[in-house]
Amino acid sequence: MQIDIAQPRLVDLLFIAHRLRASDLDELGLTRDLEHSGGRTRLATDAWASHYRRVAYLKLDDSDREPVFAFGVNLDKARPRYGQAWGFGTDHSPRVLREVTRYLRKRMIPELLGEGLQAVQALGDPVNSLSARWLGHLGFAPIANLAGIGAGGHDLTLWVTTADAQRHQSLAPAGR
């Protein structure tokens, strides 16, 4: 199995958004309506408008590949040194997460730090332990429980990582 990570086409983001895995559908549904008024199309176009966006593709054969996981960072318009991380995938996304994690650590994070990004936040469902473990592994820390702000009054967790935390993590011994 070969995995490619590249700049997406809008059609690739639409493909993923219309085939969301159940856990992403649940988590994203806490902050946006995905089932009505073109919600999944809006998810894809929001991702397309991001400052930094990539898609992981599973290579099916020599001429075909399937987009399975989209990820990136939106910059805060009022404070461009701050960003909002996002990611969503299909049922096949677990097959690419190890490679995406490597890409984030070796390419995306250093590129964004090089552009002067100081902090990135992510919102998460407090009951999604897989998402929490992945964010923690990437150097994010939960800093606040945002009680009742999600859809239907659901709680969300605010995760944050800073440029200093990322630099410290990149200097840490392997196996940390």
N, C-alpha and C. Protein backbone atom coordinates (compact mmCIF):
# COMPACT_ATOMS: atom_id res chain seq x y z
N MET A 1 0.85 -1.18 0.00
CA MET A 1 0.00 0.00 0.00
C MET A 1 0.89 1.24 0.00
N GLN A 2 0.62 2.13 -0.94
CA GLN A 2 1.37 3.37 -1.02
C GLN A 2 0.46 4.53 -0.63
N ILE A 3 1.03 5.48 0.09
CA ILE A 3 0.29 6.65 0.55
C ILE A 3 0.97 7.90 0.00
N ASP A 4 0.17 8.78 -0.59
CA ASP A 4 0.67 10.07 -1.06
C ASP A 4 -0.01 11.16 -0.24
N ILE A 5 0.74 12.19 0.11
CA ILE A 5 0.17 13.37 0.77
C ILE A 5 0.49 14.55 -0.12
N ALA A 6 -0.56 15.27 -0.51
CA ALA A 6 -0.37 16.35 -1.47
C ALA A 6 -1.44 17.42 -1.31
N GLN A 7 -1.22 18.53 -2.03
CA GLN A 7 -2.24 19.57 -2.12
C GLN A 7 -3.48 18.93 -2.76
N PRO A 8 -4.64 19.16 -2.19
CA PRO A 8 -5.85 18.56 -2.76
C PRO A 8 -6.47 19.41 -3.85
N ARG A 9 -7.29 18.76 -4.63
CA ARG A 9 -8.23 19.45 -5.51
C ARG A 9 -9.53 19.56 -4.71
N LEU A 10 -10.35 20.53 -5.06
CA LEU A 10 -11.63 20.68 -4.36
C LEU A 10 -12.45 19.40 -4.45
N VAL A 11 -12.41 18.73 -5.58
CA VAL A 11 -13.18 17.50 -5.75
C VAL A 11 -12.73 16.42 -4.75
N ASP A 12 -11.45 16.41 -4.37
CA ASP A 12 -10.95 15.44 -3.39
C ASP A 12 -11.52 15.74 -2.00
N LEU A 13 -11.58 17.01 -1.64
CA LEU A 13 -12.16 17.39 -0.35
C LEU A 13 -13.65 17.08 -0.31
N LEU A 14 -14.33 17.30 -1.42
CA LEU A 14 -15.75 16.96 -1.51
C LEU A 14 -15.96 15.45 -1.38
N PHE A 15 -15.10 14.67 -2.01
CA PHE A 15 -15.18 13.21 -1.94
C PHE A 15 -15.11 12.75 -0.49
N ILE A 16 -14.14 13.27 0.26
CA ILE A 16 -13.97 12.88 1.66
C ILE A 16 -15.15 13.37 2.49
N ALA A 17 -15.53 14.63 2.32
CA ALA A 17 -16.61 15.21 3.14
C ALA A 17 -17.92 14.46 2.96
N HIS A 18 -18.16 13.92 1.79
CA HIS A 18 -19.42 13.20 1.54
C HIS A 18 -19.33 11.72 1.91
N ARG A 19 -18.17 11.30 2.43
CA ARG A 19 -17.97 9.91 2.86
C ARG A 19 -17.34 9.85 4.24
N LEU A 20 -17.70 10.78 5.12
CA LEU A 20 -17.10 10.87 6.45
C LEU A 20 -17.29 9.58 7.25
N ARG A 21 -16.24 9.20 7.96
CA ARG A 21 -16.36 8.07 8.89
C ARG A 21 -17.23 8.52 10.06
N ALA A 22 -17.82 7.55 10.73
CA ALA A 22 -18.80 7.84 11.79
C ALA A 22 -18.23 8.72 12.90
N SER A 23 -17.00 8.46 13.34
CA SER A 23 -16.44 9.26 14.44
C SER A 23 -16.23 10.72 14.05
N ASP A 24 -15.83 10.96 12.80
CA ASP A 24 -15.68 12.35 12.34
C ASP A 24 -17.03 13.01 12.16
N LEU A 25 -18.00 12.27 11.67
CA LEU A 25 -19.35 12.80 11.53
C LEU A 25 -19.90 13.23 12.89
N ASP A 26 -19.69 12.39 13.90
CA ASP A 26 -20.14 12.72 15.25
C ASP A 26 -19.42 13.96 15.79
N GLU A 27 -18.08 13.97 15.70
CA GLU A 27 -17.32 15.06 16.28
C GLU A 27 -17.56 16.38 15.55
N LEU A 28 -17.53 16.35 14.23
CA LEU A 28 -17.78 17.58 13.46
C LEU A 28 -19.21 18.07 13.63
N GLY A 29 -20.13 17.13 13.84
CA GLY A 29 -21.52 17.50 14.05
C GLY A 29 -21.76 18.29 15.33
N LEU A 30 -20.76 18.34 16.19
CA LEU A 30 -20.88 19.13 17.42
C LEU A 30 -20.66 20.62 17.17
N THR A 31 -20.04 20.95 16.04
CA THR A 31 -19.74 22.36 15.76
C THR A 31 -20.36 22.87 14.46
N ARG A 32 -20.95 21.99 13.67
CA ARG A 32 -21.56 22.41 12.41
C ARG A 32 -22.63 21.42 11.99
N ASP A 33 -23.60 21.89 11.21
CA ASP A 33 -24.68 21.04 10.71
C ASP A 33 -24.21 20.41 9.40
N LEU A 34 -23.93 19.12 9.44
CA LEU A 34 -23.44 18.43 8.26
C LEU A 34 -24.55 17.76 7.44
N GLU A 35 -25.73 17.67 8.01
CA GLU A 35 -26.79 16.92 7.36
C GLU A 35 -27.79 17.78 6.58
N HIS A 36 -27.75 19.09 6.73
CA HIS A 36 -28.72 19.96 6.07
C HIS A 36 -28.02 21.10 5.35
N SER A 37 -28.70 21.68 4.39
CA SER A 37 -28.26 22.90 3.70
C SER A 37 -26.84 22.82 3.16
N GLY A 38 -26.49 21.69 2.58
CA GLY A 38 -25.16 21.57 1.98
C GLY A 38 -24.04 21.57 2.99
N GLY A 39 -24.29 21.06 4.19
CA GLY A 39 -23.30 21.08 5.26
C GLY A 39 -21.99 20.39 4.93
N ARG A 40 -22.05 19.27 4.23
CA ARG A 40 -20.81 18.57 3.88
C ARG A 40 -20.05 19.30 2.77
N THR A 41 -20.80 19.89 1.86
CA THR A 41 -20.15 20.70 0.82
C THR A 41 -19.48 21.90 1.47
N ARG A 42 -20.13 22.51 2.43
CA ARG A 42 -19.54 23.64 3.15
C ARG A 42 -18.27 23.22 3.90
N LEU A 43 -18.27 22.04 4.50
CA LEU A 43 -17.07 21.50 5.16
C LEU A 43 -15.91 21.46 4.16
N ALA A 44 -16.17 20.93 2.97
CA ALA A 44 -15.13 20.83 1.95
C ALA A 44 -14.66 22.20 1.47
N THR A 45 -15.59 23.12 1.26
CA THR A 45 -15.18 24.45 0.78
C THR A 45 -14.47 25.25 1.87
N ASP A 46 -14.83 25.03 3.13
CA ASP A 46 -14.09 25.65 4.24
C ASP A 46 -12.66 25.11 4.26
N ALA A 47 -12.51 23.80 4.07
CA ALA A 47 -11.17 23.20 4.03
C ALA A 47 -10.37 23.76 2.84
N TRP A 48 -11.05 23.90 1.70
CA TRP A 48 -10.41 24.44 0.50
C TRP A 48 -9.89 25.86 0.74
N ALA A 49 -10.60 26.63 1.55
CA ALA A 49 -10.22 28.02 1.83
C ALA A 49 -9.12 28.15 2.87
N SER A 50 -8.68 27.05 3.45
CA SER A 50 -7.67 27.08 4.51
C SER A 50 -6.31 27.56 4.01
N HIS A 51 -5.58 28.15 4.91
CA HIS A 51 -4.21 28.59 4.62
C HIS A 51 -3.33 27.38 4.26
N TYR A 52 -3.47 26.32 5.00
CA TYR A 52 -2.66 25.11 4.80
C TYR A 52 -3.63 23.95 4.70
N ARG A 53 -3.58 23.21 3.60
CA ARG A 53 -4.47 22.06 3.42
C ARG A 53 -3.73 20.97 2.66
N ARG A 54 -3.96 19.75 3.12
CA ARG A 54 -3.39 18.58 2.46
C ARG A 54 -4.40 17.45 2.51
N VAL A 55 -4.19 16.48 1.63
CA VAL A 55 -4.99 15.25 1.62
C VAL A 55 -4.05 14.07 1.52
N ALA A 56 -4.37 13.04 2.30
CA ALA A 56 -3.66 11.76 2.19
C ALA A 56 -4.47 10.88 1.25
N TYR A 57 -3.76 10.30 0.29
CA TYR A 57 -4.37 9.44 -0.72
C TYR A 57 -3.83 8.03 -0.58
N LEU A 58 -4.71 7.05 -0.72
CA LEU A 58 -4.29 5.66 -0.85
C LEU A 58 -4.10 5.39 -2.33
N LYS A 59 -2.93 4.94 -2.70
CA LYS A 59 -2.66 4.63 -4.10
C LYS A 59 -3.25 3.26 -4.40
N LEU A 60 -4.20 3.23 -5.33
CA LEU A 60 -4.91 1.99 -5.65
C LEU A 60 -4.19 1.19 -6.72
N ASP A 61 -3.65 1.86 -7.72
CA ASP A 61 -2.85 1.22 -8.77
C ASP A 61 -2.00 2.31 -9.41
N ASP A 62 -1.37 2.01 -10.53
CA ASP A 62 -0.46 2.98 -11.14
C ASP A 62 -1.13 4.28 -11.58
N SER A 63 -2.42 4.24 -11.84
CA SER A 63 -3.06 5.43 -12.38
C SER A 63 -4.17 5.99 -11.50
N ASP A 64 -4.46 5.36 -10.37
CA ASP A 64 -5.60 5.79 -9.57
C ASP A 64 -5.23 5.86 -8.09
N ARG A 65 -5.80 6.85 -7.42
CA ARG A 65 -5.62 6.97 -5.98
C ARG A 65 -6.91 7.50 -5.39
N GLU A 66 -7.15 7.14 -4.12
CA GLU A 66 -8.38 7.52 -3.44
C GLU A 66 -8.06 8.48 -2.30
N PRO A 67 -8.71 9.68 -2.28
CA PRO A 67 -8.51 10.59 -1.15
C PRO A 67 -9.22 10.04 0.08
N VAL A 68 -8.50 9.96 1.21
CA VAL A 68 -9.10 9.35 2.40
C VAL A 68 -9.02 10.20 3.66
N PHE A 69 -8.13 11.18 3.73
CA PHE A 69 -8.03 12.01 4.93
C PHE A 69 -7.57 13.41 4.55
N ALA A 70 -8.32 14.42 4.99
CA ALA A 70 -7.98 15.82 4.74
C ALA A 70 -7.58 16.46 6.06
N PHE A 71 -6.59 17.35 6.01
CA PHE A 71 -6.14 18.02 7.24
C PHE A 71 -5.51 19.36 6.89
N GLY A 72 -5.48 20.25 7.88
CA GLY A 72 -4.86 21.54 7.65
C GLY A 72 -5.05 22.49 8.80
N VAL A 73 -4.77 23.76 8.51
CA VAL A 73 -4.86 24.83 9.50
C VAL A 73 -5.45 26.07 8.84
N ASN A 74 -6.45 26.64 9.48
CA ASN A 74 -6.98 27.96 9.12
C ASN A 74 -6.27 28.99 9.97
N LEU A 75 -5.93 30.12 9.39
CA LEU A 75 -5.35 31.20 10.18
C LEU A 75 -6.45 32.11 10.70
N ASP A 76 -6.24 32.62 11.90
CA ASP A 76 -7.17 33.58 12.50
C ASP A 76 -6.99 34.91 11.77
N LYS A 77 -8.05 35.41 11.17
CA LYS A 77 -7.95 36.65 10.39
C LYS A 77 -7.51 37.84 11.24
N ALA A 78 -7.97 37.89 12.47
CA ALA A 78 -7.61 39.01 13.36
C ALA A 78 -6.21 38.85 13.93
N ARG A 79 -5.78 37.61 14.10
CA ARG A 79 -4.45 37.32 14.67
C ARG A 79 -3.79 36.25 13.80
N PRO A 80 -3.14 36.64 12.70
CA PRO A 80 -2.64 35.66 11.74
C PRO A 80 -1.51 34.76 12.25
N ARG A 81 -1.02 34.98 13.44
CA ARG A 81 0.00 34.09 14.01
C ARG A 81 -0.64 32.94 14.79
N TYR A 82 -1.97 32.87 14.74
CA TYR A 82 -2.72 31.84 15.46
C TYR A 82 -3.60 31.09 14.46
N GLY A 83 -3.75 29.79 14.69
CA GLY A 83 -4.51 28.99 13.75
C GLY A 83 -5.46 28.01 14.41
N GLN A 84 -6.32 27.45 13.60
CA GLN A 84 -7.29 26.43 14.01
C GLN A 84 -7.00 25.18 13.18
N ALA A 85 -6.61 24.10 13.84
CA ALA A 85 -6.34 22.84 13.15
C ALA A 85 -7.64 22.11 12.86
N TRP A 86 -7.67 21.37 11.78
CA TRP A 86 -8.85 20.58 11.41
C TRP A 86 -8.40 19.32 10.68
N GLY A 87 -9.25 18.34 10.69
CA GLY A 87 -9.00 17.11 9.96
C GLY A 87 -10.25 16.27 9.91
N PHE A 88 -10.44 15.55 8.82
CA PHE A 88 -11.58 14.65 8.68
C PHE A 88 -11.27 13.61 7.62
N GLY A 89 -11.90 12.44 7.77
CA GLY A 89 -11.58 11.37 6.85
C GLY A 89 -12.70 10.39 6.61
N THR A 90 -12.42 9.47 5.71
CA THR A 90 -13.34 8.39 5.38
C THR A 90 -13.04 7.18 6.27
N ASP A 91 -13.78 6.11 6.07
CA ASP A 91 -13.52 4.89 6.83
C ASP A 91 -12.12 4.34 6.59
N HIS A 92 -11.48 4.72 5.49
CA HIS A 92 -10.12 4.25 5.18
C HIS A 92 -9.03 5.10 5.84
N SER A 93 -9.40 6.19 6.51
CA SER A 93 -8.39 7.09 7.06
C SER A 93 -7.46 6.44 8.10
N PRO A 94 -7.92 5.47 8.90
CA PRO A 94 -6.95 4.87 9.84
C PRO A 94 -5.73 4.25 9.13
N ARG A 95 -5.87 3.90 7.88
CA ARG A 95 -4.76 3.30 7.13
C ARG A 95 -3.66 4.31 6.80
N VAL A 96 -3.97 5.59 6.89
CA VAL A 96 -2.97 6.61 6.53
C VAL A 96 -2.51 7.46 7.71
N LEU A 97 -3.09 7.27 8.89
CA LEU A 97 -2.79 8.18 10.01
C LEU A 97 -1.34 8.14 10.47
N ARG A 98 -0.69 7.01 10.39
CA ARG A 98 0.73 6.96 10.78
C ARG A 98 1.56 7.85 9.84
N GLU A 99 1.30 7.74 8.55
CA GLU A 99 2.03 8.56 7.58
C GLU A 99 1.65 10.05 7.72
N VAL A 100 0.39 10.34 7.98
CA VAL A 100 -0.04 11.72 8.20
C VAL A 100 0.66 12.28 9.44
N THR A 101 0.76 11.51 10.50
CA THR A 101 1.43 11.97 11.71
C THR A 101 2.89 12.31 11.41
N ARG A 102 3.57 11.44 10.66
CA ARG A 102 4.96 11.73 10.27
C ARG A 102 5.04 13.02 9.46
N TYR A 103 4.11 13.18 8.53
CA TYR A 103 4.09 14.37 7.69
C TYR A 103 3.89 15.62 8.54
N LEU A 104 2.95 15.57 9.47
CA LEU A 104 2.69 16.71 10.34
C LEU A 104 3.96 17.11 11.09
N ARG A 105 4.64 16.13 11.64
CA ARG A 105 5.82 16.42 12.46
C ARG A 105 7.02 16.88 11.64
N LYS A 106 7.22 16.26 10.48
CA LYS A 106 8.43 16.55 9.71
C LYS A 106 8.27 17.67 8.70
N ARG A 107 7.05 17.93 8.23
CA ARG A 107 6.85 18.94 7.19
C ARG A 107 5.92 20.08 7.61
N MET A 108 4.67 19.74 7.95
CA MET A 108 3.68 20.78 8.17
C MET A 108 4.02 21.67 9.36
N ILE A 109 4.30 21.08 10.49
CA ILE A 109 4.59 21.89 11.69
C ILE A 109 5.83 22.75 11.46
N PRO A 110 6.94 22.21 10.97
CA PRO A 110 8.09 23.08 10.71
C PRO A 110 7.79 24.20 9.70
N GLU A 111 7.00 23.90 8.65
CA GLU A 111 6.66 24.94 7.68
C GLU A 111 5.86 26.06 8.33
N LEU A 112 4.87 25.69 9.13
CA LEU A 112 4.03 26.70 9.78
C LEU A 112 4.83 27.51 10.81
N LEU A 113 5.72 26.84 11.55
CA LEU A 113 6.57 27.56 12.49
C LEU A 113 7.48 28.53 11.74
N GLY A 114 7.98 28.09 10.58
CA GLY A 114 8.83 28.94 9.76
C GLY A 114 8.10 30.17 9.24
N GLU A 115 6.79 30.07 9.10
CA GLU A 115 5.97 31.22 8.68
C GLU A 115 5.63 32.13 9.86
N GLY A 116 6.03 31.75 11.07
CA GLY A 116 5.78 32.59 12.24
C GLY A 116 4.54 32.23 13.04
N LEU A 117 3.93 31.09 12.77
CA LEU A 117 2.76 30.68 13.55
C LEU A 117 3.17 30.47 15.00
N GLN A 118 2.40 31.03 15.94
CA GLN A 118 2.74 30.95 17.36
C GLN A 118 1.93 29.93 18.14
N ALA A 119 0.67 29.70 17.74
CA ALA A 119 -0.17 28.75 18.47
C ALA A 119 -1.27 28.23 17.54
N VAL A 120 -1.67 27.00 17.79
CA VAL A 120 -2.76 26.38 17.04
C VAL A 120 -3.69 25.72 18.04
N GLN A 121 -4.99 25.89 17.80
CA GLN A 121 -5.98 25.24 18.66
C GLN A 121 -6.78 24.24 17.85
N ALA A 122 -7.42 23.33 18.57
CA ALA A 122 -8.33 22.36 17.97
C ALA A 122 -9.45 22.11 18.97
N LEU A 123 -10.64 21.94 18.46
CA LEU A 123 -11.77 21.58 19.31
C LEU A 123 -12.01 20.09 19.19
N GLY A 124 -12.33 19.45 20.31
CA GLY A 124 -12.57 18.02 20.28
C GLY A 124 -13.70 17.60 21.19
N ASP A 125 -14.27 16.47 20.85
CA ASP A 125 -15.31 15.85 21.67
C ASP A 125 -14.61 15.17 22.85
N PRO A 126 -14.95 15.53 24.08
CA PRO A 126 -14.27 14.96 25.25
C PRO A 126 -14.41 13.44 25.35
N VAL A 127 -15.38 12.85 24.68
CA VAL A 127 -15.53 11.39 24.76
C VAL A 127 -14.81 10.67 23.62
N ASN A 128 -14.20 11.39 22.69
CA ASN A 128 -13.48 10.76 21.59
C ASN A 128 -12.03 10.53 22.03
N SER A 129 -11.79 9.39 22.64
CA SER A 129 -10.46 9.11 23.20
C SER A 129 -9.41 8.93 22.11
N LEU A 130 -9.77 8.43 20.95
CA LEU A 130 -8.81 8.26 19.86
C LEU A 130 -8.30 9.63 19.40
N SER A 131 -9.21 10.57 19.21
CA SER A 131 -8.83 11.92 18.82
C SER A 131 -7.96 12.56 19.90
N ALA A 132 -8.33 12.38 21.16
CA ALA A 132 -7.56 12.95 22.27
C ALA A 132 -6.13 12.39 22.31
N ARG A 133 -5.99 11.08 22.11
CA ARG A 133 -4.65 10.48 22.11
C ARG A 133 -3.80 11.03 20.95
N TRP A 134 -4.42 11.17 19.77
CA TRP A 134 -3.69 11.66 18.61
C TRP A 134 -3.25 13.11 18.83
N LEU A 135 -4.16 13.96 19.31
CA LEU A 135 -3.79 15.35 19.57
C LEU A 135 -2.67 15.44 20.60
N GLY A 136 -2.77 14.64 21.65
CA GLY A 136 -1.71 14.62 22.65
C GLY A 136 -0.37 14.18 22.06
N HIS A 137 -0.41 13.17 21.22
CA HIS A 137 0.80 12.67 20.55
C HIS A 137 1.42 13.76 19.66
N LEU A 138 0.58 14.63 19.10
CA LEU A 138 1.07 15.71 18.24
C LEU A 138 1.52 16.93 19.02
N GLY A 139 1.44 16.88 20.35
CA GLY A 139 1.92 17.99 21.17
C GLY A 139 0.86 18.97 21.61
N PHE A 140 -0.40 18.66 21.36
CA PHE A 140 -1.49 19.51 21.85
C PHE A 140 -1.79 19.14 23.30
N ALA A 141 -2.24 20.11 24.07
CA ALA A 141 -2.64 19.87 25.45
C ALA A 141 -4.06 20.39 25.64
N PRO A 142 -4.88 19.65 26.38
CA PRO A 142 -6.24 20.15 26.66
C PRO A 142 -6.14 21.28 27.67
N ILE A 143 -6.70 22.43 27.33
CA ILE A 143 -6.57 23.56 28.25
C ILE A 143 -7.89 24.02 28.83
N ALA A 144 -9.01 23.59 28.23
CA ALA A 144 -10.30 24.05 28.76
C ALA A 144 -11.41 23.10 28.35
N ASN A 145 -12.34 22.92 29.27
CA ASN A 145 -13.60 22.24 28.95
C ASN A 145 -14.59 23.35 28.66
N LEU A 146 -15.11 23.37 27.44
CA LEU A 146 -16.05 24.40 27.02
C LEU A 146 -17.45 23.82 27.16
N ALA A 147 -17.99 23.98 28.35
CA ALA A 147 -19.26 23.35 28.70
C ALA A 147 -20.42 23.94 27.91
N GLY A 148 -21.14 23.04 27.25
CA GLY A 148 -22.39 23.40 26.61
C GLY A 148 -22.32 24.22 25.35
N ILE A 149 -21.14 24.40 24.73
CA ILE A 149 -21.08 25.26 23.56
C ILE A 149 -21.29 24.51 22.24
N GLY A 150 -21.23 23.20 22.28
CA GLY A 150 -21.44 22.42 21.07
C GLY A 150 -22.91 22.29 20.72
N ALA A 151 -23.18 21.68 19.58
CA ALA A 151 -24.56 21.46 19.15
C ALA A 151 -25.32 20.70 20.23
N GLY A 152 -26.54 21.12 20.48
CA GLY A 152 -27.35 20.45 21.49
C GLY A 152 -26.82 20.61 22.90
N GLY A 153 -25.99 21.62 23.14
CA GLY A 153 -25.44 21.84 24.47
C GLY A 153 -24.32 20.90 24.85
N HIS A 154 -23.72 20.23 23.89
CA HIS A 154 -22.65 19.28 24.14
C HIS A 154 -21.36 20.01 24.55
N ASP A 155 -20.61 19.42 25.46
CA ASP A 155 -19.33 19.97 25.87
C ASP A 155 -18.28 19.72 24.78
N LEU A 156 -17.31 20.60 24.71
CA LEU A 156 -16.15 20.42 23.82
C LEU A 156 -14.89 20.65 24.64
N THR A 157 -13.80 20.09 24.19
CA THR A 157 -12.50 20.32 24.80
C THR A 157 -11.68 21.20 23.87
N LEU A 158 -11.05 22.23 24.42
CA LEU A 158 -10.15 23.09 23.65
C LEU A 158 -8.73 22.58 23.85
N TRP A 159 -8.09 22.22 22.75
CA TRP A 159 -6.71 21.74 22.75
C TRP A 159 -5.84 22.83 22.13
N VAL A 160 -4.64 23.01 22.65
CA VAL A 160 -3.74 24.04 22.12
C VAL A 160 -2.32 23.50 22.10
N THR A 161 -1.59 23.91 21.08
CA THR A 161 -0.15 23.72 21.06
C THR A 161 0.47 25.04 20.66
N THR A 162 1.67 25.27 21.13
CA THR A 162 2.37 26.52 20.84
C THR A 162 3.66 26.23 20.09
N ALA A 163 4.22 27.27 19.51
CA ALA A 163 5.50 27.13 18.82
C ALA A 163 6.56 26.61 19.78
N ASP A 164 6.58 27.14 21.01
CA ASP A 164 7.56 26.68 22.00
C ASP A 164 7.37 25.20 22.33
N ALA A 165 6.13 24.77 22.51
CA ALA A 165 5.87 23.36 22.81
C ALA A 165 6.32 22.47 21.66
N GLN A 166 6.07 22.89 20.43
CA GLN A 166 6.48 22.10 19.27
C GLN A 166 7.99 22.03 19.14
N ARG A 167 8.67 23.13 19.40
CA ARG A 167 10.15 23.12 19.34
C ARG A 167 10.70 22.20 20.43
N HIS A 168 10.11 22.26 21.61
CA HIS A 168 10.54 21.40 22.71
C HIS A 168 10.29 19.92 22.36
N GLN A 169 9.14 19.62 21.79
CA GLN A 169 8.81 18.25 21.43
C GLN A 169 9.76 17.72 20.35
N SER A 170 10.16 18.58 19.39
CA SER A 170 11.04 18.12 18.33
C SER A 170 12.46 17.85 18.86
N LEU A 171 12.81 18.44 20.00
CA LEU A 171 14.12 18.22 20.60
C LEU A 171 14.13 17.06 21.59
N ALA A 172 12.94 16.57 21.96
CA ALA A 172 12.84 15.50 22.94
C ALA A 172 13.42 14.20 22.39
N PRO A 173 13.97 13.35 23.26
CA PRO A 173 14.51 12.07 22.81
C PRO A 173 13.40 11.20 22.20
N ALA A 174 13.79 10.37 21.24
CA ALA A 174 12.82 9.45 20.62
C ALA A 174 12.21 8.54 21.67
N GLY A 175 10.94 8.14 21.44
CA GLY A 175 10.28 7.26 22.36
C GLY A 175 9.55 7.98 23.48
N ARG A 176 9.60 9.27 23.44
CA ARG A 176 8.91 10.07 24.45
C ARG A 176 7.43 9.95 24.33
